[in-house]
Amino acid sequence: MFYMRKQIIIFDFDGTIANTLPVIKQIIIRLAYSFGFKTPTEDQMDQYRSKQYKKIIKELQIPLYKIPFLLQAGRNEMSNSIHHTNIFPGIKECIQRLINNKLTVGILTSNSKINVEIFLKKHHIPIKIIHNELNLFGKDKALDRLIKQYKWDKNQVIYIGDEVRDIEACHTVGIDVIAVSWGFNQKELLEKFNPTVIVKHPNDIYKYLSKPSCST
């Protein structure tokens, strides 16, 4: 008999649910001039999938004090494209299946809450818990605040994301993490940071969560 490993499932948004990667590439190229950092080529943008954010920021020569302003500008630009942003195939069905099993499902993101709500409404995804914070490097603190806000048991929480910083944040907070291979960081890089599990397709999320822990 199968049972759910966790009762609280928190998703990242960009690169995990929404395929915002093509839009983010365009935004970075457009903002490079106004923020005074190096304009990456298309080839460089693809190569960045195998690198951590800190290394990318260093290569682009972006001063750290500009990061919050860059993120806010990126959010604003994203609002013009969110209506046309695609959802990753299979993720809607995965989320709905989790909700149908009476699990708590939420989103933690650095994107704006309005952008996320517009996207969820367009794709008819009934997630009510949306926690957003404008912080590229403080995801562990944001995750910890979210858990404390709802008084969740960490043993019942699992996070699902597509980047190394998602894995690192979960390790710091002390919760399990599912890394997805269809997002920003490549599988080979994600593996080096020891997520609880890496999945190749949204169907694999439900398969993992519904397996008895003794079968791993």
N, C-alpha and C. Protein backbone atom coordinates (compact mmCIF):
# COMPACT_ATOMS: atom_id res chain seq x y z
N MET A 1 0.84 -1.20 0.00
CA MET A 1 0.00 0.00 0.00
C MET A 1 0.88 1.25 0.00
N PHE A 2 0.54 2.20 -0.87
CA PHE A 2 1.33 3.41 -0.97
C PHE A 2 0.81 4.49 -0.02
N TYR A 3 1.72 5.32 0.44
CA TYR A 3 1.33 6.50 1.22
C TYR A 3 2.26 7.64 0.81
N MET A 4 1.88 8.85 1.15
CA MET A 4 2.67 10.02 0.75
C MET A 4 3.78 10.27 1.76
N ARG A 5 4.99 10.42 1.26
CA ARG A 5 6.15 10.66 2.13
C ARG A 5 6.00 11.97 2.91
N LYS A 6 5.50 13.00 2.22
CA LYS A 6 5.40 14.33 2.80
C LYS A 6 3.98 14.86 2.65
N GLN A 7 3.60 15.76 3.55
CA GLN A 7 2.27 16.35 3.50
C GLN A 7 2.28 17.79 2.99
N ILE A 8 3.46 18.41 2.92
CA ILE A 8 3.57 19.81 2.51
C ILE A 8 4.58 19.90 1.37
N ILE A 9 4.10 20.30 0.20
CA ILE A 9 4.92 20.32 -1.01
C ILE A 9 5.06 21.77 -1.47
N ILE A 10 6.28 22.30 -1.44
CA ILE A 10 6.51 23.68 -1.84
C ILE A 10 7.30 23.70 -3.15
N PHE A 11 6.75 24.38 -4.13
CA PHE A 11 7.38 24.47 -5.44
C PHE A 11 8.10 25.81 -5.63
N ASP A 12 9.22 25.76 -6.32
CA ASP A 12 9.79 26.94 -6.93
C ASP A 12 8.90 27.28 -8.13
N PHE A 13 8.99 28.49 -8.64
CA PHE A 13 8.13 28.88 -9.76
C PHE A 13 8.89 28.91 -11.08
N ASP A 14 9.85 29.85 -11.21
CA ASP A 14 10.59 30.00 -12.46
C ASP A 14 11.49 28.79 -12.70
N GLY A 15 11.32 28.15 -13.84
CA GLY A 15 12.16 27.01 -14.18
C GLY A 15 11.70 25.69 -13.61
N THR A 16 10.65 25.72 -12.79
CA THR A 16 10.11 24.49 -12.21
C THR A 16 8.66 24.28 -12.65
N ILE A 17 7.85 25.32 -12.49
CA ILE A 17 6.46 25.29 -12.97
C ILE A 17 6.35 26.03 -14.30
N ALA A 18 6.87 27.25 -14.31
CA ALA A 18 6.77 28.11 -15.50
C ALA A 18 8.09 28.10 -16.28
N ASN A 19 7.99 27.95 -17.58
CA ASN A 19 9.19 27.97 -18.43
C ASN A 19 9.53 29.42 -18.77
N THR A 20 10.03 30.12 -17.78
CA THR A 20 10.40 31.53 -17.95
C THR A 20 11.83 31.70 -18.45
N LEU A 21 12.54 30.62 -18.67
CA LEU A 21 13.96 30.71 -19.04
C LEU A 21 14.19 31.50 -20.34
N PRO A 22 13.40 31.28 -21.40
CA PRO A 22 13.61 32.09 -22.62
C PRO A 22 13.39 33.58 -22.37
N VAL A 23 12.40 33.89 -21.53
CA VAL A 23 12.11 35.29 -21.21
C VAL A 23 13.24 35.89 -20.38
N ILE A 24 13.74 35.12 -19.40
CA ILE A 24 14.82 35.61 -18.54
C ILE A 24 16.07 35.91 -19.36
N LYS A 25 16.36 35.07 -20.34
CA LYS A 25 17.50 35.32 -21.23
C LYS A 25 17.36 36.68 -21.91
N GLN A 26 16.19 36.93 -22.45
CA GLN A 26 15.95 38.20 -23.16
C GLN A 26 16.04 39.39 -22.21
N ILE A 27 15.51 39.21 -21.00
CA ILE A 27 15.52 40.30 -20.02
C ILE A 27 16.96 40.64 -19.62
N ILE A 28 17.78 39.62 -19.38
CA ILE A 28 19.17 39.86 -18.99
C ILE A 28 19.92 40.63 -20.07
N ILE A 29 19.71 40.24 -21.31
CA ILE A 29 20.38 40.92 -22.42
C ILE A 29 19.91 42.38 -22.52
N ARG A 30 18.61 42.62 -22.32
CA ARG A 30 18.08 43.99 -22.41
C ARG A 30 18.57 44.86 -21.25
N LEU A 31 18.69 44.26 -20.07
CA LEU A 31 19.06 45.04 -18.89
C LEU A 31 20.57 45.27 -18.76
N ALA A 32 21.35 44.52 -19.53
CA ALA A 32 22.80 44.61 -19.41
C ALA A 32 23.29 46.05 -19.63
N TYR A 33 22.76 46.70 -20.65
CA TYR A 33 23.22 48.05 -20.96
C TYR A 33 22.83 49.04 -19.86
N SER A 34 21.56 49.01 -19.44
CA SER A 34 21.09 50.00 -18.46
C SER A 34 21.71 49.80 -17.09
N PHE A 35 22.11 48.56 -16.76
CA PHE A 35 22.71 48.31 -15.45
C PHE A 35 24.24 48.24 -15.51
N GLY A 36 24.79 48.39 -16.71
CA GLY A 36 26.23 48.50 -16.85
C GLY A 36 27.02 47.24 -16.63
N PHE A 37 26.45 46.08 -17.00
CA PHE A 37 27.25 44.85 -16.92
C PHE A 37 27.41 44.24 -18.31
N LYS A 38 28.29 43.28 -18.42
CA LYS A 38 28.61 42.68 -19.71
C LYS A 38 27.38 42.02 -20.33
N THR A 39 27.21 42.22 -21.62
CA THR A 39 26.08 41.59 -22.31
C THR A 39 26.48 40.18 -22.73
N PRO A 40 25.80 39.16 -22.19
CA PRO A 40 26.16 37.78 -22.54
C PRO A 40 25.65 37.41 -23.93
N THR A 41 26.38 36.55 -24.60
CA THR A 41 25.92 36.02 -25.88
C THR A 41 24.94 34.88 -25.63
N GLU A 42 24.27 34.44 -26.68
CA GLU A 42 23.34 33.32 -26.55
C GLU A 42 24.08 32.06 -26.09
N ASP A 43 25.28 31.85 -26.63
CA ASP A 43 26.07 30.68 -26.24
C ASP A 43 26.45 30.75 -24.76
N GLN A 44 26.82 31.93 -24.30
CA GLN A 44 27.16 32.09 -22.89
C GLN A 44 25.95 31.82 -22.00
N MET A 45 24.79 32.28 -22.42
CA MET A 45 23.57 32.06 -21.65
C MET A 45 23.31 30.57 -21.48
N ASP A 46 23.55 29.81 -22.53
CA ASP A 46 23.36 28.36 -22.45
C ASP A 46 24.40 27.72 -21.53
N GLN A 47 25.63 28.24 -21.57
CA GLN A 47 26.69 27.70 -20.72
C GLN A 47 26.43 27.98 -19.24
N TYR A 48 25.68 29.04 -18.95
CA TYR A 48 25.42 29.39 -17.56
C TYR A 48 24.57 28.34 -16.84
N ARG A 49 23.92 27.47 -17.59
CA ARG A 49 23.11 26.42 -16.96
C ARG A 49 23.98 25.44 -16.17
N SER A 50 25.25 25.41 -16.49
CA SER A 50 26.17 24.51 -15.78
C SER A 50 26.96 25.24 -14.69
N LYS A 51 26.52 26.46 -14.35
CA LYS A 51 27.24 27.26 -13.36
C LYS A 51 26.29 27.77 -12.28
N GLN A 52 26.86 28.08 -11.11
CA GLN A 52 26.09 28.67 -10.03
C GLN A 52 25.94 30.17 -10.24
N TYR A 53 24.92 30.73 -9.59
CA TYR A 53 24.63 32.15 -9.77
C TYR A 53 25.81 33.05 -9.40
N LYS A 54 26.50 32.71 -8.32
CA LYS A 54 27.60 33.57 -7.88
C LYS A 54 28.68 33.67 -8.94
N LYS A 55 28.94 32.56 -9.62
CA LYS A 55 29.96 32.57 -10.67
C LYS A 55 29.48 33.35 -11.88
N ILE A 56 28.19 33.23 -12.20
CA ILE A 56 27.62 33.97 -13.33
C ILE A 56 27.69 35.47 -13.07
N ILE A 57 27.34 35.87 -11.86
CA ILE A 57 27.38 37.29 -11.50
C ILE A 57 28.79 37.84 -11.60
N LYS A 58 29.76 37.03 -11.18
CA LYS A 58 31.16 37.45 -11.25
C LYS A 58 31.61 37.59 -12.70
N GLU A 59 31.22 36.65 -13.55
CA GLU A 59 31.63 36.69 -14.96
C GLU A 59 31.00 37.87 -15.69
N LEU A 60 29.77 38.22 -15.31
CA LEU A 60 29.08 39.35 -15.95
C LEU A 60 29.50 40.69 -15.35
N GLN A 61 30.29 40.61 -14.27
CA GLN A 61 30.80 41.82 -13.59
C GLN A 61 29.65 42.70 -13.08
N ILE A 62 28.70 42.05 -12.41
CA ILE A 62 27.57 42.77 -11.82
C ILE A 62 27.90 43.08 -10.36
N PRO A 63 27.97 44.35 -9.97
CA PRO A 63 28.20 44.70 -8.56
C PRO A 63 27.07 44.15 -7.69
N LEU A 64 27.41 43.61 -6.54
CA LEU A 64 26.40 42.99 -5.67
C LEU A 64 25.32 43.97 -5.24
N TYR A 65 25.69 45.25 -5.07
CA TYR A 65 24.70 46.22 -4.60
C TYR A 65 23.62 46.48 -5.65
N LYS A 66 23.89 46.10 -6.91
CA LYS A 66 22.90 46.30 -7.97
C LYS A 66 21.91 45.14 -8.08
N ILE A 67 22.20 44.03 -7.41
CA ILE A 67 21.37 42.83 -7.57
C ILE A 67 19.89 43.08 -7.23
N PRO A 68 19.57 43.71 -6.07
CA PRO A 68 18.15 43.95 -5.76
C PRO A 68 17.44 44.79 -6.82
N PHE A 69 18.13 45.81 -7.34
CA PHE A 69 17.54 46.66 -8.37
C PHE A 69 17.36 45.89 -9.68
N LEU A 70 18.33 45.02 -9.97
CA LEU A 70 18.24 44.19 -11.17
C LEU A 70 17.08 43.21 -11.08
N LEU A 71 16.90 42.62 -9.90
CA LEU A 71 15.79 41.68 -9.70
C LEU A 71 14.44 42.38 -9.84
N GLN A 72 14.34 43.59 -9.27
CA GLN A 72 13.08 44.33 -9.37
C GLN A 72 12.78 44.70 -10.82
N ALA A 73 13.81 45.13 -11.54
CA ALA A 73 13.63 45.46 -12.95
C ALA A 73 13.23 44.22 -13.74
N GLY A 74 13.83 43.09 -13.38
CA GLY A 74 13.49 41.83 -14.05
C GLY A 74 12.04 41.43 -13.80
N ARG A 75 11.58 41.63 -12.57
CA ARG A 75 10.17 41.36 -12.24
C ARG A 75 9.25 42.21 -13.10
N ASN A 76 9.58 43.49 -13.19
CA ASN A 76 8.74 44.41 -13.97
C ASN A 76 8.69 44.01 -15.43
N GLU A 77 9.84 43.62 -15.96
CA GLU A 77 9.90 43.16 -17.36
C GLU A 77 9.10 41.88 -17.53
N MET A 78 9.18 41.01 -16.54
CA MET A 78 8.48 39.73 -16.60
C MET A 78 6.97 39.92 -16.68
N SER A 79 6.47 40.97 -16.05
CA SER A 79 5.03 41.22 -16.06
C SER A 79 4.49 41.43 -17.47
N ASN A 80 5.37 41.87 -18.38
CA ASN A 80 4.95 42.07 -19.77
C ASN A 80 4.90 40.77 -20.56
N SER A 81 5.52 39.73 -20.01
CA SER A 81 5.63 38.46 -20.74
C SER A 81 4.91 37.30 -20.08
N ILE A 82 4.45 37.49 -18.84
CA ILE A 82 3.91 36.36 -18.08
C ILE A 82 2.67 35.76 -18.74
N HIS A 83 1.89 36.58 -19.45
CA HIS A 83 0.69 36.08 -20.12
C HIS A 83 1.03 35.08 -21.23
N HIS A 84 2.24 35.20 -21.76
CA HIS A 84 2.64 34.35 -22.89
C HIS A 84 3.63 33.26 -22.47
N THR A 85 3.88 33.15 -21.16
CA THR A 85 4.85 32.17 -20.68
C THR A 85 4.23 30.78 -20.64
N ASN A 86 4.97 29.80 -21.13
CA ASN A 86 4.47 28.43 -21.18
C ASN A 86 4.67 27.71 -19.85
N ILE A 87 3.84 26.73 -19.61
CA ILE A 87 3.98 25.85 -18.46
C ILE A 87 4.71 24.60 -18.90
N PHE A 88 5.55 24.04 -18.03
CA PHE A 88 6.25 22.81 -18.40
C PHE A 88 5.25 21.66 -18.52
N PRO A 89 5.34 20.88 -19.58
CA PRO A 89 4.40 19.77 -19.79
C PRO A 89 4.37 18.81 -18.60
N GLY A 90 3.18 18.51 -18.13
CA GLY A 90 3.01 17.53 -17.06
C GLY A 90 2.99 18.10 -15.66
N ILE A 91 3.45 19.35 -15.48
CA ILE A 91 3.54 19.88 -14.11
C ILE A 91 2.16 20.24 -13.56
N LYS A 92 1.26 20.72 -14.42
CA LYS A 92 -0.09 21.03 -13.96
C LYS A 92 -0.78 19.78 -13.44
N GLU A 93 -0.66 18.69 -14.19
CA GLU A 93 -1.29 17.43 -13.79
C GLU A 93 -0.68 16.90 -12.49
N CYS A 94 0.63 17.08 -12.34
CA CYS A 94 1.31 16.66 -11.12
C CYS A 94 0.77 17.43 -9.91
N ILE A 95 0.68 18.74 -10.04
CA ILE A 95 0.20 19.58 -8.94
C ILE A 95 -1.24 19.22 -8.58
N GLN A 96 -2.07 19.05 -9.60
CA GLN A 96 -3.47 18.72 -9.34
C GLN A 96 -3.60 17.38 -8.63
N ARG A 97 -2.75 16.45 -8.99
CA ARG A 97 -2.79 15.13 -8.35
C ARG A 97 -2.40 15.23 -6.87
N LEU A 98 -1.42 16.07 -6.58
CA LEU A 98 -1.01 16.28 -5.19
C LEU A 98 -2.14 16.92 -4.39
N ILE A 99 -2.79 17.91 -4.99
CA ILE A 99 -3.91 18.58 -4.32
C ILE A 99 -5.07 17.61 -4.11
N ASN A 100 -5.33 16.77 -5.10
CA ASN A 100 -6.41 15.78 -4.98
C ASN A 100 -6.15 14.79 -3.85
N ASN A 101 -4.88 14.61 -3.51
CA ASN A 101 -4.51 13.71 -2.41
C ASN A 101 -4.47 14.44 -1.07
N LYS A 102 -5.07 15.64 -1.03
CA LYS A 102 -5.23 16.42 0.20
C LYS A 102 -3.90 16.91 0.78
N LEU A 103 -2.89 17.06 -0.08
CA LEU A 103 -1.61 17.59 0.38
C LEU A 103 -1.64 19.11 0.32
N THR A 104 -0.86 19.75 1.18
CA THR A 104 -0.71 21.20 1.14
C THR A 104 0.32 21.54 0.08
N VAL A 105 -0.06 22.37 -0.88
CA VAL A 105 0.84 22.72 -1.98
C VAL A 105 0.99 24.24 -2.03
N GLY A 106 2.23 24.71 -2.08
CA GLY A 106 2.49 26.14 -2.12
C GLY A 106 3.63 26.47 -3.06
N ILE A 107 3.92 27.76 -3.17
CA ILE A 107 5.00 28.26 -4.03
C ILE A 107 5.85 29.25 -3.24
N LEU A 108 7.17 29.10 -3.35
CA LEU A 108 8.12 30.08 -2.82
C LEU A 108 8.95 30.57 -4.00
N THR A 109 8.97 31.88 -4.23
CA THR A 109 9.60 32.40 -5.43
C THR A 109 10.17 33.79 -5.21
N SER A 110 11.12 34.18 -6.07
CA SER A 110 11.62 35.55 -6.08
C SER A 110 10.89 36.37 -7.15
N ASN A 111 10.01 35.73 -7.90
CA ASN A 111 9.16 36.45 -8.84
C ASN A 111 8.08 37.18 -8.05
N SER A 112 7.34 38.07 -8.70
CA SER A 112 6.30 38.81 -7.98
C SER A 112 5.06 37.95 -7.79
N LYS A 113 4.34 38.22 -6.72
CA LYS A 113 3.12 37.47 -6.43
C LYS A 113 2.09 37.68 -7.53
N ILE A 114 2.02 38.89 -8.05
CA ILE A 114 1.05 39.19 -9.12
C ILE A 114 1.35 38.36 -10.36
N ASN A 115 2.64 38.29 -10.74
CA ASN A 115 3.01 37.48 -11.91
C ASN A 115 2.61 36.02 -11.72
N VAL A 116 2.88 35.51 -10.53
CA VAL A 116 2.55 34.10 -10.25
C VAL A 116 1.04 33.89 -10.29
N GLU A 117 0.29 34.80 -9.70
CA GLU A 117 -1.17 34.67 -9.67
C GLU A 117 -1.76 34.72 -11.09
N ILE A 118 -1.23 35.60 -11.92
CA ILE A 118 -1.70 35.69 -13.32
C ILE A 118 -1.45 34.37 -14.04
N PHE A 119 -0.26 33.82 -13.84
CA PHE A 119 0.11 32.57 -14.50
C PHE A 119 -0.77 31.41 -14.02
N LEU A 120 -0.96 31.31 -12.71
CA LEU A 120 -1.77 30.22 -12.15
C LEU A 120 -3.21 30.30 -12.63
N LYS A 121 -3.74 31.52 -12.69
CA LYS A 121 -5.12 31.70 -13.15
C LYS A 121 -5.26 31.28 -14.61
N LYS A 122 -4.29 31.68 -15.42
CA LYS A 122 -4.33 31.34 -16.85
C LYS A 122 -4.34 29.83 -17.06
N HIS A 123 -3.56 29.13 -16.24
CA HIS A 123 -3.41 27.68 -16.43
C HIS A 123 -4.31 26.87 -15.49
N HIS A 124 -5.18 27.56 -14.76
CA HIS A 124 -6.17 26.90 -13.90
C HIS A 124 -5.51 25.98 -12.87
N ILE A 125 -4.53 26.53 -12.17
CA ILE A 125 -3.83 25.79 -11.12
C ILE A 125 -4.24 26.37 -9.77
N PRO A 126 -4.92 25.59 -8.93
CA PRO A 126 -5.51 26.12 -7.69
C PRO A 126 -4.56 26.16 -6.48
N ILE A 127 -3.40 26.79 -6.64
CA ILE A 127 -2.49 26.96 -5.51
C ILE A 127 -2.79 28.29 -4.83
N LYS A 128 -3.02 28.25 -3.52
CA LYS A 128 -3.38 29.45 -2.77
C LYS A 128 -2.20 30.05 -2.00
N ILE A 129 -1.26 29.20 -1.59
CA ILE A 129 -0.12 29.68 -0.80
C ILE A 129 0.99 30.13 -1.75
N ILE A 130 1.23 31.44 -1.80
CA ILE A 130 2.28 32.00 -2.65
C ILE A 130 3.11 32.94 -1.78
N HIS A 131 4.36 32.59 -1.57
CA HIS A 131 5.27 33.40 -0.75
C HIS A 131 6.39 33.89 -1.64
N ASN A 132 6.54 35.21 -1.74
CA ASN A 132 7.60 35.75 -2.60
C ASN A 132 8.49 36.70 -1.81
N GLU A 133 9.79 36.62 -2.10
CA GLU A 133 10.77 37.52 -1.50
C GLU A 133 11.80 37.88 -2.56
N LEU A 134 12.15 39.16 -2.61
CA LEU A 134 13.09 39.65 -3.61
C LEU A 134 14.52 39.50 -3.08
N ASN A 135 15.02 38.27 -3.13
CA ASN A 135 16.35 38.00 -2.58
C ASN A 135 16.96 36.81 -3.32
N LEU A 136 18.04 37.06 -4.05
CA LEU A 136 18.65 36.01 -4.85
C LEU A 136 19.41 35.00 -4.00
N PHE A 137 20.03 35.48 -2.91
CA PHE A 137 20.90 34.60 -2.13
C PHE A 137 20.31 34.21 -0.77
N GLY A 138 19.13 34.71 -0.42
CA GLY A 138 18.57 34.43 0.89
C GLY A 138 17.41 33.48 0.88
N LYS A 139 17.44 32.49 0.00
CA LYS A 139 16.30 31.59 -0.12
C LYS A 139 16.13 30.73 1.13
N ASP A 140 17.22 30.42 1.81
CA ASP A 140 17.11 29.64 3.04
C ASP A 140 16.31 30.40 4.10
N LYS A 141 16.56 31.69 4.20
CA LYS A 141 15.84 32.52 5.18
C LYS A 141 14.37 32.64 4.80
N ALA A 142 14.11 32.82 3.50
CA ALA A 142 12.72 32.92 3.03
C ALA A 142 11.97 31.62 3.28
N LEU A 143 12.63 30.51 3.04
CA LEU A 143 12.02 29.20 3.26
C LEU A 143 11.75 28.97 4.74
N ASP A 144 12.69 29.37 5.57
CA ASP A 144 12.52 29.22 7.02
C ASP A 144 11.37 30.08 7.52
N ARG A 145 11.25 31.30 6.99
CA ARG A 145 10.15 32.18 7.39
C ARG A 145 8.80 31.60 6.99
N LEU A 146 8.75 31.02 5.79
CA LEU A 146 7.50 30.42 5.32
C LEU A 146 7.07 29.26 6.22
N ILE A 147 8.01 28.42 6.57
CA ILE A 147 7.72 27.27 7.43
C ILE A 147 7.23 27.73 8.81
N LYS A 148 7.88 28.75 9.35
CA LYS A 148 7.49 29.26 10.67
C LYS A 148 6.14 29.97 10.61
N GLN A 149 5.88 30.66 9.50
CA GLN A 149 4.61 31.38 9.36
C GLN A 149 3.42 30.44 9.48
N TYR A 150 3.54 29.27 8.86
CA TYR A 150 2.43 28.31 8.87
C TYR A 150 2.58 27.23 9.94
N LYS A 151 3.67 27.34 10.73
CA LYS A 151 3.93 26.40 11.82
C LYS A 151 3.95 24.95 11.32
N TRP A 152 4.65 24.76 10.20
CA TRP A 152 4.76 23.43 9.62
C TRP A 152 5.85 22.62 10.31
N ASP A 153 5.66 21.33 10.33
CA ASP A 153 6.68 20.39 10.80
C ASP A 153 7.67 20.17 9.66
N LYS A 154 8.93 20.50 9.87
CA LYS A 154 9.93 20.37 8.81
C LYS A 154 10.02 18.95 8.25
N ASN A 155 9.74 17.98 9.08
CA ASN A 155 9.80 16.59 8.62
C ASN A 155 8.73 16.28 7.58
N GLN A 156 7.70 17.15 7.51
CA GLN A 156 6.61 16.94 6.56
C GLN A 156 6.71 17.83 5.32
N VAL A 157 7.80 18.63 5.26
CA VAL A 157 7.95 19.59 4.15
C VAL A 157 9.00 19.11 3.16
N ILE A 158 8.71 19.28 1.88
CA ILE A 158 9.71 19.04 0.84
C ILE A 158 9.62 20.16 -0.18
N TYR A 159 10.77 20.60 -0.67
CA TYR A 159 10.82 21.69 -1.65
C TYR A 159 11.20 21.12 -3.01
N ILE A 160 10.66 21.72 -4.06
CA ILE A 160 10.92 21.26 -5.43
C ILE A 160 11.45 22.44 -6.23
N GLY A 161 12.69 22.34 -6.72
CA GLY A 161 13.29 23.45 -7.44
C GLY A 161 14.25 22.99 -8.52
N ASP A 162 14.75 23.96 -9.28
CA ASP A 162 15.58 23.63 -10.45
C ASP A 162 17.00 24.16 -10.37
N GLU A 163 17.38 24.74 -9.21
CA GLU A 163 18.69 25.37 -9.11
C GLU A 163 19.49 24.86 -7.92
N VAL A 164 20.79 25.06 -8.01
CA VAL A 164 21.69 24.70 -6.91
C VAL A 164 21.31 25.45 -5.65
N ARG A 165 20.95 26.73 -5.78
CA ARG A 165 20.61 27.51 -4.59
C ARG A 165 19.37 26.97 -3.88
N ASP A 166 18.49 26.29 -4.61
CA ASP A 166 17.34 25.64 -3.97
C ASP A 166 17.82 24.50 -3.07
N ILE A 167 18.74 23.71 -3.59
CA ILE A 167 19.28 22.58 -2.83
C ILE A 167 20.02 23.08 -1.60
N GLU A 168 20.86 24.09 -1.78
CA GLU A 168 21.63 24.63 -0.66
C GLU A 168 20.71 25.20 0.42
N ALA A 169 19.66 25.89 0.00
CA ALA A 169 18.71 26.47 0.96
C ALA A 169 18.04 25.38 1.79
N CYS A 170 17.64 24.31 1.13
CA CYS A 170 16.97 23.21 1.83
C CYS A 170 17.91 22.51 2.80
N HIS A 171 19.17 22.34 2.40
CA HIS A 171 20.16 21.74 3.30
C HIS A 171 20.34 22.61 4.54
N THR A 172 20.38 23.92 4.35
CA THR A 172 20.56 24.85 5.47
C THR A 172 19.37 24.80 6.42
N VAL A 173 18.17 24.78 5.85
CA VAL A 173 16.95 24.78 6.67
C VAL A 173 16.71 23.41 7.31
N GLY A 174 17.15 22.36 6.63
CA GLY A 174 16.98 21.02 7.16
C GLY A 174 15.74 20.30 6.67
N ILE A 175 15.43 20.49 5.37
CA ILE A 175 14.29 19.77 4.78
C ILE A 175 14.75 19.05 3.51
N ASP A 176 13.95 18.11 3.06
CA ASP A 176 14.24 17.37 1.83
C ASP A 176 13.99 18.26 0.61
N VAL A 177 14.66 17.90 -0.49
CA VAL A 177 14.52 18.70 -1.71
C VAL A 177 14.54 17.81 -2.94
N ILE A 178 13.59 18.05 -3.82
CA ILE A 178 13.54 17.39 -5.12
C ILE A 178 14.10 18.37 -6.15
N ALA A 179 15.15 17.97 -6.86
CA ALA A 179 15.70 18.80 -7.92
C ALA A 179 15.15 18.33 -9.26
N VAL A 180 14.69 19.27 -10.08
CA VAL A 180 14.15 18.91 -11.40
C VAL A 180 15.18 19.22 -12.47
N SER A 181 15.27 18.35 -13.46
CA SER A 181 16.33 18.49 -14.48
C SER A 181 15.89 19.29 -15.70
N TRP A 182 14.64 19.78 -15.71
CA TRP A 182 14.16 20.51 -16.88
C TRP A 182 14.27 22.03 -16.73
N GLY A 183 14.86 22.50 -15.64
CA GLY A 183 14.93 23.93 -15.38
C GLY A 183 16.26 24.57 -15.74
N PHE A 184 16.70 25.51 -14.90
CA PHE A 184 17.88 26.31 -15.22
C PHE A 184 19.17 25.50 -15.13
N ASN A 185 19.48 24.96 -13.96
CA ASN A 185 20.73 24.23 -13.80
C ASN A 185 20.65 22.82 -14.36
N GLN A 186 21.73 22.39 -14.98
CA GLN A 186 21.78 21.07 -15.58
C GLN A 186 21.88 19.98 -14.52
N LYS A 187 21.43 18.79 -14.89
CA LYS A 187 21.41 17.66 -13.96
C LYS A 187 22.78 17.37 -13.38
N GLU A 188 23.82 17.45 -14.21
CA GLU A 188 25.18 17.13 -13.77
C GLU A 188 25.63 18.06 -12.64
N LEU A 189 25.24 19.32 -12.71
CA LEU A 189 25.59 20.27 -11.65
C LEU A 189 24.74 20.02 -10.41
N LEU A 190 23.46 19.78 -10.59
CA LEU A 190 22.56 19.53 -9.46
C LEU A 190 23.03 18.33 -8.64
N GLU A 191 23.49 17.29 -9.32
CA GLU A 191 23.92 16.06 -8.64
C GLU A 191 25.06 16.31 -7.66
N LYS A 192 25.92 17.26 -7.98
CA LYS A 192 27.09 17.55 -7.14
C LYS A 192 26.70 18.10 -5.77
N PHE A 193 25.47 18.61 -5.64
CA PHE A 193 25.04 19.23 -4.39
C PHE A 193 24.07 18.37 -3.59
N ASN A 194 23.94 17.12 -4.00
CA ASN A 194 23.24 16.09 -3.22
C ASN A 194 21.80 16.44 -2.82
N PRO A 195 20.93 16.64 -3.81
CA PRO A 195 19.51 16.76 -3.47
C PRO A 195 18.99 15.42 -2.98
N THR A 196 17.83 15.41 -2.37
CA THR A 196 17.24 14.16 -1.91
C THR A 196 17.01 13.22 -3.09
N VAL A 197 16.55 13.79 -4.19
CA VAL A 197 16.33 13.03 -5.42
C VAL A 197 16.30 14.01 -6.59
N ILE A 198 16.68 13.53 -7.78
CA ILE A 198 16.55 14.32 -9.01
C ILE A 198 15.52 13.64 -9.90
N VAL A 199 14.60 14.43 -10.46
CA VAL A 199 13.58 13.86 -11.33
C VAL A 199 13.70 14.45 -12.73
N LYS A 200 13.33 13.63 -13.72
CA LYS A 200 13.44 14.02 -15.12
C LYS A 200 12.12 14.50 -15.71
N HIS A 201 11.01 14.16 -15.05
CA HIS A 201 9.69 14.51 -15.56
C HIS A 201 8.76 14.75 -14.37
N PRO A 202 7.78 15.66 -14.51
CA PRO A 202 6.84 15.91 -13.42
C PRO A 202 6.16 14.66 -12.87
N ASN A 203 5.93 13.66 -13.72
CA ASN A 203 5.33 12.41 -13.22
C ASN A 203 6.18 11.76 -12.14
N ASP A 204 7.51 11.97 -12.24
CA ASP A 204 8.42 11.36 -11.28
C ASP A 204 8.29 11.97 -9.89
N ILE A 205 7.79 13.21 -9.82
CA ILE A 205 7.57 13.84 -8.51
C ILE A 205 6.55 13.05 -7.71
N TYR A 206 5.42 12.78 -8.35
CA TYR A 206 4.37 12.03 -7.65
C TYR A 206 4.82 10.60 -7.34
N LYS A 207 5.54 10.00 -8.28
CA LYS A 207 6.02 8.63 -8.05
C LYS A 207 6.92 8.58 -6.83
N TYR A 208 7.80 9.56 -6.70
CA TYR A 208 8.70 9.58 -5.54
C TYR A 208 7.93 9.81 -4.24
N LEU A 209 7.04 10.78 -4.26
CA LEU A 209 6.32 11.14 -3.03
C LEU A 209 5.36 10.05 -2.57
N SER A 210 4.90 9.22 -3.49
CA SER A 210 3.92 8.20 -3.13
C SER A 210 4.54 6.84 -2.81
N LYS A 211 5.87 6.77 -2.81
CA LYS A 211 6.53 5.51 -2.48
C LYS A 211 6.76 5.41 -0.98
N PRO A 212 6.64 4.21 -0.41
CA PRO A 212 7.01 4.02 1.00
C PRO A 212 8.49 4.31 1.18
N SER A 213 8.85 4.97 2.26
CA SER A 213 10.24 5.35 2.47
C SER A 213 11.17 4.15 2.55
N CYS A 214 10.65 3.00 2.95
CA CYS A 214 11.49 1.81 3.08
C CYS A 214 11.90 1.26 1.73
N SER A 215 11.30 1.76 0.63
CA SER A 215 11.60 1.21 -0.69
C SER A 215 12.74 1.94 -1.38
N THR A 216 13.27 3.02 -0.76
CA THR A 216 14.35 3.77 -1.39
C THR A 216 15.69 3.11 -1.14
